[in-house]
């Protein structure tokens, strides 16, 4: 079963990123700062891959005037996002589906965190283009996901390092090995150079790396 459709797996999701994504909390804070550099006090923010609600909650707590449109293909993850938001939920409109199911905007800012490594190359290009199309001129876009060199030796090394980090963070060795296999076979990881090129091809400018933590990278760019 797809873990994002399994209610039991989804119920445990919120514990995962803070434990197993290196520097996760700092990445969230940096994302908020980068958005706030240009987003107004009453910003409308598009969150692609909003299921789970971790970033929605963090953004809403930090910026009381921001409102959100979150989109995610997992209905179970969107239910978790609504529960995570609690009393903040009225400030977020959640949409079941993909970027095409998000409103046209225009938005003052957008994010896509820990999502694009699940998206194949051509669909990733289209997704980034559709996000760009929904943003106001000059609006910031923050994106972060798995991204590392992809020649055979380097890929194997970074997958092993990722598994080692999971174990060091408290995951059982067997589960870490299964996670490594799942990442190797079920995700679409590109090189950092490819990821940056996709942003530029979609029309983003001033693409800047702001986050590099083991097997993850994050960029800020502007519409």
Protein backbone atom coordinates (compact mmCIF):
# COMPACT_ATOMS: atom_id res chain seq x y z
CA UNK A 1 0.00 0.00 0.00
CA UNK A 2 1.12 3.54 -0.72
CA UNK A 3 2.27 4.85 2.69
CA UNK A 4 0.62 8.19 1.98
CA UNK A 5 -2.73 6.41 1.66
CA UNK A 6 -2.30 4.14 4.67
CA UNK A 7 -4.06 5.76 7.65
CA UNK A 8 -1.70 4.13 10.15
CA UNK A 9 1.41 5.25 8.28
CA UNK A 10 -0.02 8.73 7.82
CA UNK A 11 -0.74 8.96 11.56
CA UNK A 12 3.00 8.49 12.19
CA UNK A 13 4.12 10.87 9.43
CA UNK A 14 4.57 13.99 11.55
CA UNK A 15 7.33 12.32 13.56
CA UNK A 16 9.35 11.49 10.45
CA UNK A 17 10.73 14.67 8.84
CA UNK A 18 12.02 16.28 12.06
CA UNK A 19 13.90 13.06 12.90
CA UNK A 20 15.03 11.84 9.52
CA UNK A 21 15.62 14.97 7.42
CA UNK A 22 18.86 16.58 8.61
CA UNK A 23 18.36 20.17 9.70
CA UNK A 24 14.61 19.96 9.11
CA UNK A 25 13.55 22.54 11.69
CA UNK A 26 16.24 24.98 10.55
CA UNK A 27 15.20 24.45 6.92
CA UNK A 28 11.62 25.35 7.89
CA UNK A 29 12.79 28.54 9.64
CA UNK A 30 14.98 29.53 6.69
CA UNK A 31 12.07 28.94 4.32
CA UNK A 32 9.86 31.29 6.34
CA UNK A 33 12.57 33.96 6.34
CA UNK A 34 13.13 33.67 2.60
CA UNK A 35 9.41 33.96 1.86
CA UNK A 36 9.00 36.90 4.23
CA UNK A 37 11.75 38.88 2.47
CA UNK A 38 9.32 39.59 -0.36
CA UNK A 39 5.89 38.32 0.68
CA UNK A 40 3.62 41.00 2.19
CA UNK A 41 2.07 40.81 5.64
CA UNK A 42 -1.21 39.63 4.10
CA UNK A 43 0.40 37.18 1.66
CA UNK A 44 -1.43 34.42 -0.14
CA UNK A 45 0.92 31.41 -0.24
CA UNK A 46 0.73 28.29 -2.42
CA UNK A 47 2.00 25.11 -0.75
CA UNK A 48 2.50 22.19 -3.15
CA UNK A 49 2.76 18.86 -1.36
CA UNK A 50 0.92 20.27 1.65
CA UNK A 51 -0.19 16.93 3.09
CA UNK A 52 0.82 16.39 6.67
CA UNK A 53 0.54 20.08 7.41
CA UNK A 54 3.95 20.56 9.03
CA UNK A 55 4.97 23.58 6.99
CA UNK A 56 1.43 24.96 6.87
CA UNK A 57 1.32 25.01 10.66
CA UNK A 58 4.80 26.53 10.95
CA UNK A 59 4.05 29.27 8.42
CA UNK A 60 0.65 30.07 9.90
CA UNK A 61 2.03 30.34 13.43
CA UNK A 62 4.86 32.63 12.34
CA UNK A 63 2.80 34.95 10.10
CA UNK A 64 -0.69 35.70 11.35
CA UNK A 65 -1.71 37.54 8.19
CA UNK A 66 -0.77 34.86 5.69
CA UNK A 67 -3.38 32.59 4.10
CA UNK A 68 -2.68 29.39 2.24
CA UNK A 69 -3.78 27.16 -0.59
CA UNK A 70 -2.35 23.68 -0.07
CA UNK A 71 -2.52 20.90 -2.64
CA UNK A 72 -1.66 17.21 -2.22
CA UNK A 73 -2.63 13.98 -4.03
CA UNK A 74 -3.24 12.07 -0.77
CA UNK A 75 -6.63 12.57 0.86
CA UNK A 76 -5.33 10.96 4.05
CA UNK A 77 -2.40 13.38 4.23
CA UNK A 78 -4.74 16.32 3.75
CA UNK A 79 -6.86 15.07 6.65
CA UNK A 80 -3.69 15.00 8.75
CA UNK A 81 -2.89 18.56 7.62
CA UNK A 82 -6.28 19.74 8.79
CA UNK A 83 -5.79 18.07 12.16
CA UNK A 84 -2.27 19.49 12.42
CA UNK A 85 -3.53 23.01 11.78
CA UNK A 86 -6.25 22.78 14.41
CA UNK A 87 -7.64 26.26 15.11
CA UNK A 88 -5.48 27.66 12.28
CA UNK A 89 -7.33 25.54 9.70
CA UNK A 90 -9.69 28.34 8.50
CA UNK A 91 -6.66 30.16 7.04
CA UNK A 92 -5.82 27.25 4.73
CA UNK A 93 -7.80 26.00 1.74
CA UNK A 94 -6.79 22.40 1.04
CA UNK A 95 -7.15 20.92 -2.45
CA UNK A 96 -7.01 17.20 -3.25
CA UNK A 97 -4.91 16.61 -6.35
CA UNK A 98 -1.86 17.96 -8.11
CA UNK A 99 -0.65 21.42 -9.05
CA UNK A 100 -3.30 21.66 -11.78
CA UNK A 101 -5.91 21.45 -9.03
CA UNK A 102 -4.49 24.49 -7.26
CA UNK A 103 -6.13 27.88 -7.87
CA UNK A 104 -4.68 30.08 -10.58
CA UNK A 105 -3.56 32.70 -8.07
CA UNK A 106 -1.72 34.90 -8.47
CA UNK A 107 0.15 34.02 -5.28
CA UNK A 108 2.65 36.09 -3.33
CA UNK A 109 4.89 33.09 -2.62
CA UNK A 110 5.07 29.32 -3.01
CA UNK A 111 6.81 26.31 -1.50
CA UNK A 112 7.33 22.68 -2.44
CA UNK A 113 9.16 20.86 0.36
CA UNK A 114 10.18 17.19 0.38
CA UNK A 115 7.93 16.48 -2.59
CA UNK A 116 9.59 16.72 -6.01
CA UNK A 117 11.78 13.64 -5.55
CA UNK A 118 8.51 11.67 -5.92
CA UNK A 119 7.88 13.25 -9.35
CA UNK A 120 9.39 11.96 -12.60
CA UNK A 121 11.46 14.31 -14.74
CA UNK A 122 8.95 15.54 -17.32
CA UNK A 123 6.15 15.86 -14.78
CA UNK A 124 8.55 17.69 -12.48
CA UNK A 125 9.33 20.18 -15.22
CA UNK A 126 5.64 20.72 -15.81
CA UNK A 127 4.91 21.05 -12.08
CA UNK A 128 7.57 23.71 -11.59
CA UNK A 129 6.30 25.56 -14.66
CA UNK A 130 2.74 25.50 -13.31
CA UNK A 131 3.92 26.85 -9.95
CA UNK A 132 5.78 29.65 -11.73
CA UNK A 133 2.67 30.47 -13.76
CA UNK A 134 0.66 30.96 -10.56
CA UNK A 135 3.06 33.45 -8.95
CA UNK A 136 3.13 37.22 -9.07
CA UNK A 137 6.23 38.74 -10.74
CA UNK A 138 9.13 38.65 -8.32
CA UNK A 139 7.39 36.28 -5.88
CA UNK A 140 9.68 33.85 -4.02
CA UNK A 141 9.56 30.10 -4.48
CA UNK A 142 11.32 27.77 -2.02
CA UNK A 143 11.88 24.13 -2.93
CA UNK A 144 13.76 21.36 -1.10
CA UNK A 145 14.09 17.61 -1.67
CA UNK A 146 16.55 14.77 -2.20
CA UNK A 147 19.21 15.88 -4.68
CA UNK A 148 22.73 14.46 -5.11
CA UNK A 149 25.15 13.21 -7.82
CA UNK A 150 23.73 10.39 -9.91
CA UNK A 151 26.64 8.51 -11.46
CA UNK A 152 26.58 4.91 -10.21
CA UNK A 153 29.26 5.14 -7.53
CA UNK A 154 28.09 8.50 -6.16
CA UNK A 155 24.43 7.46 -6.11
CA UNK A 156 25.22 4.30 -4.16
CA UNK A 157 27.38 6.25 -1.72
CA UNK A 158 24.71 8.88 -1.04
CA UNK A 159 21.98 6.27 -0.63
CA UNK A 160 24.19 4.47 1.91
CA UNK A 161 24.87 7.73 3.71
CA UNK A 162 21.15 8.46 3.86
CA UNK A 163 20.50 5.03 5.39
CA UNK A 164 23.31 5.59 7.89
CA UNK A 165 21.74 8.89 8.92
CA UNK A 166 18.40 7.15 9.48
CA UNK A 167 20.07 4.60 11.75
CA UNK A 168 21.96 7.34 13.61
CA UNK A 169 18.60 9.08 14.11
CA UNK A 170 17.12 6.03 15.81
CA UNK A 171 15.59 3.96 13.01
CA UNK A 172 16.00 0.18 13.15
CA UNK A 173 18.69 -1.07 10.73
CA UNK A 174 16.21 -3.28 8.88
CA UNK A 175 13.79 -0.41 8.38
CA UNK A 176 16.62 1.87 7.27
CA UNK A 177 17.69 -0.74 4.71
CA UNK A 178 14.10 -0.98 3.44
CA UNK A 179 13.93 2.81 3.24
CA UNK A 180 17.14 2.87 1.20
CA UNK A 181 15.69 0.33 -1.23
CA UNK A 182 12.43 2.29 -1.51
CA UNK A 183 14.28 5.52 -2.23
CA UNK A 184 16.44 3.76 -4.82
CA UNK A 185 13.49 2.22 -6.64
CA UNK A 186 10.52 4.53 -6.04
CA UNK A 187 11.85 8.08 -6.20
CA UNK A 188 13.20 10.26 -8.99
CA UNK A 189 16.35 11.90 -7.70
CA UNK A 190 18.21 14.35 -9.94
CA UNK A 191 21.57 16.05 -9.59
CA UNK A 192 21.65 19.52 -8.04
CA UNK A 193 22.64 20.89 -11.45
CA UNK A 194 19.55 19.34 -13.07
CA UNK A 195 17.31 20.69 -10.31
CA UNK A 196 18.63 24.21 -10.79
CA UNK A 197 18.23 23.94 -14.57
CA UNK A 198 14.56 22.97 -14.19
CA UNK A 199 13.92 26.11 -12.12
CA UNK A 200 15.56 28.32 -14.75
CA UNK A 201 13.78 26.58 -17.63
CA UNK A 202 10.46 27.30 -15.91
CA UNK A 203 11.25 31.02 -15.87
CA UNK A 204 12.60 31.47 -12.35
CA UNK A 205 15.52 33.84 -11.83
CA UNK A 206 18.19 34.36 -9.17
CA UNK A 207 18.22 30.66 -8.29
CA UNK A 208 20.21 30.27 -5.08
CA UNK A 209 21.11 27.27 -2.96
CA UNK A 210 20.23 27.98 0.68
CA UNK A 211 20.13 24.50 2.22
CA UNK A 212 22.47 21.54 1.82
CA UNK A 213 22.16 18.77 4.39
CA UNK A 214 23.58 15.37 3.53
CA UNK A 215 21.36 14.02 0.72
CA UNK A 216 18.96 17.01 0.64
CA UNK A 217 19.22 20.35 -1.13
CA UNK A 218 17.01 23.44 -1.12
CA UNK A 219 16.80 26.51 -3.33
CA UNK A 220 15.09 29.87 -3.40
CA UNK A 221 14.15 31.41 -6.74
CA UNK A 222 11.95 34.24 -7.98
CA UNK A 223 9.16 34.42 -10.52
